[in-house]
PDB file of N, CA and C in Angstrom:
ATOM      1  N   MET A   1     -19.244 -90.426 147.382  1.00  0.00           N
ATOM      2  CA  MET A   1     -20.559 -91.490 146.553  1.00  0.00           C
ATOM      3  C   MET A   1     -21.389 -92.037 147.588  1.00  0.00           C
ATOM      4  N   HIS A   2     -23.074 -92.304 147.540  1.00  0.00           N
ATOM      5  CA  HIS A   2     -23.541 -92.746 147.614  1.00  0.00           C
ATOM      6  C   HIS A   2     -23.890 -94.039 147.712  1.00  0.00           C
ATOM      7  N   SER A   3     -23.833 -95.129 148.255  1.00  0.00           N
ATOM      8  CA  SER A   3     -24.029 -96.456 148.589  1.00  0.00           C
ATOM      9  C   SER A   3     -25.355 -96.854 147.730  1.00  0.00           C
ATOM     10  N   SER A   4     -25.894 -97.673 146.517  1.00  0.00           N
ATOM     11  CA  SER A   4     -26.973 -98.290 146.349  1.00  0.00           C
ATOM     12  C   SER A   4     -27.979 -98.117 146.997  1.00  0.00           C
ATOM     13  N   GLU A   5     -27.815 -98.350 148.610  1.00  0.00           N
ATOM     14  CA  GLU A   5     -28.582 -98.215 150.033  1.00  0.00           C
ATOM     15  C   GLU A   5     -29.411 -96.971 150.100  1.00  0.00           C
ATOM     16  N   ASP A   6     -28.297 -96.360 149.856  1.00  0.00           N
ATOM     17  CA  ASP A   6     -28.553 -94.770 150.198  1.00  0.00           C
ATOM     18  C   ASP A   6     -29.326 -93.900 149.278  1.00  0.00           C
ATOM     19  N   ARG A   7     -29.539 -94.344 148.012  1.00  0.00           N
ATOM     20  CA  ARG A   7     -30.143 -93.875 147.205  1.00  0.00           C
ATOM     21  C   ARG A   7     -31.451 -94.316 146.905  1.00  0.00           C
ATOM     22  N   ILE A   8     -31.405 -95.768 147.633  1.00  0.00           N
ATOM     23  CA  ILE A   8     -32.922 -96.662 147.360  1.00  0.00           C
ATOM     24  C   ILE A   8     -33.659 -95.595 148.236  1.00  0.00           C
ATOM     25  N   ARG A   9     -32.981 -95.665 149.620  1.00  0.00           N
ATOM     26  CA  ARG A   9     -33.737 -94.740 150.733  1.00  0.00           C
ATOM     27  C   ARG A   9     -34.081 -93.381 150.720  1.00  0.00           C
ATOM     28  N   ALA A  10     -33.219 -92.318 149.616  1.00  0.00           N
ATOM     29  CA  ALA A  10     -33.758 -91.602 148.894  1.00  0.00           C
ATOM     30  C   ALA A  10     -34.612 -91.625 148.525  1.00  0.00           C
ATOM     31  N   VAL A  11     -35.007 -92.204 147.471  1.00  0.00           N
ATOM     32  CA  VAL A  11     -36.298 -92.372 146.257  1.00  0.00           C
ATOM     33  C   VAL A  11     -37.124 -92.855 147.221  1.00  0.00           C
ATOM     34  N   GLU A  12     -37.680 -93.803 147.828  1.00  0.00           N
ATOM     35  CA  GLU A  12     -38.686 -94.354 148.669  1.00  0.00           C
ATOM     36  C   GLU A  12     -38.891 -93.051 149.360  1.00  0.00           C
ATOM     37  N   LEU A  13     -38.246 -92.398 150.014  1.00  0.00           N
ATOM     38  CA  LEU A  13     -38.445 -91.109 150.925  1.00  0.00           C
ATOM     39  C   LEU A  13     -39.269 -90.528 149.792  1.00  0.00           C
ATOM     40  N   TYR A  14     -38.831 -89.984 149.056  1.00  0.00           N
ATOM     41  CA  TYR A  14     -39.286 -89.228 147.839  1.00  0.00           C
ATOM     42  C   TYR A  14     -40.785 -89.209 147.591  1.00  0.00           C
ATOM     43  N   TYR A  15     -40.750 -90.238 147.294  1.00  0.00           N
ATOM     44  CA  TYR A  15     -42.255 -90.875 147.644  1.00  0.00           C
ATOM     45  C   TYR A  15     -43.404 -90.780 148.582  1.00  0.00           C
ATOM     46  N   GLN A  16     -42.262 -90.887 149.123  1.00  0.00           N
ATOM     47  CA  GLN A  16     -43.488 -90.945 150.834  1.00  0.00           C
ATOM     48  C   GLN A  16     -43.690 -89.478 151.114  1.00  0.00           C
ATOM     49  N   TYR A  17     -43.190 -88.787 150.669  1.00  0.00           N
ATOM     50  CA  TYR A  17     -43.126 -87.283 151.172  1.00  0.00           C
ATOM     51  C   TYR A  17     -43.678 -86.713 150.119  1.00  0.00           C
ATOM     52  N   GLY A  18     -44.744 -87.320 149.004  1.00  0.00           N
ATOM     53  CA  GLY A  18     -45.231 -86.551 147.586  1.00  0.00           C
ATOM     54  C   GLY A  18     -44.018 -85.875 146.867  1.00  0.00           C
ATOM     55  N   LYS A  19     -43.571 -86.541 146.622  1.00  0.00           N
ATOM     56  CA  LYS A  19     -42.795 -86.042 145.694  1.00  0.00           C
ATOM     57  C   LYS A  19     -41.972 -84.734 146.043  1.00  0.00           C
ATOM     58  N   LYS A  20     -40.992 -84.478 146.901  1.00  0.00           N
ATOM     59  CA  LYS A  20     -41.327 -83.434 147.501  1.00  0.00           C
ATOM     60  C   LYS A  20     -39.539 -83.263 148.116  1.00  0.00           C
ATOM     61  N   ALA A  21     -38.883 -83.025 146.687  1.00  0.00           N
ATOM     62  CA  ALA A  21     -37.453 -83.651 146.594  1.00  0.00           C
ATOM     63  C   ALA A  21     -37.027 -82.510 147.741  1.00  0.00           C
ATOM     64  N   SER A  22     -37.005 -81.618 148.074  1.00  0.00           N
ATOM     65  CA  SER A  22     -36.499 -80.481 149.214  1.00  0.00           C
ATOM     66  C   SER A  22     -36.567 -80.902 150.917  1.00  0.00           C
ATOM     67  N   VAL A  23     -37.823 -81.611 151.040  1.00  0.00           N
ATOM     68  CA  VAL A  23     -38.151 -82.370 152.076  1.00  0.00           C
ATOM     69  C   VAL A  23     -36.968 -83.074 152.088  1.00  0.00           C
ATOM     70  N   VAL A  24     -36.610 -84.371 151.262  1.00  0.00           N
ATOM     71  CA  VAL A  24     -35.818 -85.421 151.457  1.00  0.00           C
ATOM     72  C   VAL A  24     -34.683 -84.929 151.632  1.00  0.00           C
ATOM     73  N   VAL A  25     -34.448 -83.801 151.167  1.00  0.00           N
ATOM     74  CA  VAL A  25     -32.658 -83.507 151.389  1.00  0.00           C
ATOM     75  C   VAL A  25     -32.608 -82.835 152.595  1.00  0.00           C
ATOM     76  N   MET A  26     -33.079 -82.084 153.180  1.00  0.00           N
ATOM     77  CA  MET A  26     -33.342 -81.751 154.477  1.00  0.00           C
ATOM     78  C   MET A  26     -33.481 -82.743 155.707  1.00  0.00           C
ATOM     79  N   GLU A  27     -34.319 -83.980 154.905  1.00  0.00           N
ATOM     80  CA  GLU A  27     -33.915 -84.411 156.169  1.00  0.00           C
ATOM     81  C   GLU A  27     -32.839 -85.530 156.371  1.00  0.00           C
ATOM     82  N   LEU A  28     -32.342 -86.109 154.873  1.00  0.00           N
ATOM     83  CA  LEU A  28     -31.221 -87.268 154.864  1.00  0.00           C
ATOM     84  C   LEU A  28     -29.698 -86.356 154.982  1.00  0.00           C
ATOM     85  N   GLY A  29     -29.997 -84.781 154.908  1.00  0.00           N
ATOM     86  CA  GLY A  29     -28.595 -84.133 154.612  1.00  0.00           C
ATOM     87  C   GLY A  29     -27.857 -84.442 152.743  1.00  0.00           C
ATOM     88  N   TYR A  30     -28.500 -85.079 152.570  1.00  0.00           N
ATOM     89  CA  TYR A  30     -28.188 -85.650 150.770  1.00  0.00           C
ATOM     90  C   TYR A  30     -29.385 -85.697 150.246  1.00  0.00           C
ATOM     91  N   PRO A  31     -29.076 -86.468 149.037  1.00  0.00           N
ATOM     92  CA  PRO A  31     -27.874 -85.641 147.974  1.00  0.00           C
ATOM     93  C   PRO A  31     -28.808 -83.902 147.509  1.00  0.00           C
ATOM     94  N   SER A  32     -28.376 -83.909 146.497  1.00  0.00           N
ATOM     95  CA  SER A  32     -28.855 -82.418 145.692  1.00  0.00           C
ATOM     96  C   SER A  32     -29.944 -82.859 145.014  1.00  0.00           C
ATOM     97  N   THR A  33     -31.394 -81.351 145.389  1.00  0.00           N
ATOM     98  CA  THR A  33     -32.030 -82.132 144.343  1.00  0.00           C
ATOM     99  C   THR A  33     -32.083 -82.334 142.550  1.00  0.00           C
ATOM    100  N   ASN A  34     -31.088 -81.691 142.571  1.00  0.00           N
ATOM    101  CA  ASN A  34     -30.853 -82.311 141.025  1.00  0.00           C
ATOM    102  C   ASN A  34     -30.634 -83.793 140.964  1.00  0.00           C
ATOM    103  N   HIS A  35     -29.609 -84.049 141.728  1.00  0.00           N
ATOM    104  CA  HIS A  35     -29.157 -85.772 141.692  1.00  0.00           C
ATOM    105  C   HIS A  35     -29.980 -86.797 142.522  1.00  0.00           C
ATOM    106  N   LEU A  36     -30.866 -85.890 143.213  1.00  0.00           N
ATOM    107  CA  LEU A  36     -32.153 -87.023 143.447  1.00  0.00           C
ATOM    108  C   LEU A  36     -33.408 -87.167 142.593  1.00  0.00           C
ATOM    109  N   GLY A  37     -33.384 -86.028 141.727  1.00  0.00           N
ATOM    110  CA  GLY A  37     -34.306 -86.180 140.369  1.00  0.00           C
ATOM    111  C   GLY A  37     -33.229 -87.520 139.639  1.00  0.00           C
ATOM    112  N   ARG A  38     -32.119 -87.214 139.314  1.00  0.00           N
ATOM    113  CA  ARG A  38     -31.484 -88.259 138.806  1.00  0.00           C
ATOM    114  C   ARG A  38     -31.532 -89.537 139.407  1.00  0.00           C
ATOM    115  N   TRP A  39     -31.929 -89.987 140.394  1.00  0.00           N
ATOM    116  CA  TRP A  39     -31.552 -91.092 141.276  1.00  0.00           C
ATOM    117  C   TRP A  39     -33.842 -91.660 140.910  1.00  0.00           C
ATOM    118  N   VAL A  40     -33.877 -90.715 140.849  1.00  0.00           N
ATOM    119  CA  VAL A  40     -35.647 -91.124 141.099  1.00  0.00           C
ATOM    120  C   VAL A  40     -35.719 -91.381 139.419  1.00  0.00           C
ATOM    121  N   GLN A  41     -35.228 -90.777 138.075  1.00  0.00           N
ATOM    122  CA  GLN A  41     -35.538 -91.240 137.124  1.00  0.00           C
ATOM    123  C   GLN A  41     -34.655 -92.765 136.894  1.00  0.00           C
ATOM    124  N   ILE A  42     -33.640 -93.000 137.529  1.00  0.00           N
ATOM    125  CA  ILE A  42     -33.278 -94.477 137.153  1.00  0.00           C
ATOM    126  C   ILE A  42     -33.627 -95.229 137.766  1.00  0.00           C
ATOM    127  N   TYR A  43     -34.694 -95.105 139.183  1.00  0.00           N
ATOM    128  CA  TYR A  43     -35.302 -96.623 139.833  1.00  0.00           C
ATOM    129  C   TYR A  43     -36.718 -96.783 138.994  1.00  0.00           C
ATOM    130  N   GLU A  44     -37.053 -95.235 138.363  1.00  0.00           N
ATOM    131  CA  GLU A  44     -38.598 -96.020 138.105  1.00  0.00           C
ATOM    132  C   GLU A  44     -38.774 -96.868 137.154  1.00  0.00           C
TER     133      GLU A  44
END
């Protein structure tokens, strides 16, 4: 399970990288692209 800080970091990177989930996953090593999509929906 990832902390809320981890989730926020991933979502911030998602927007920094032009909404490219696969790039975020490659850089961080987590989450899956599906999970990142859910996190983005939660934090919007």
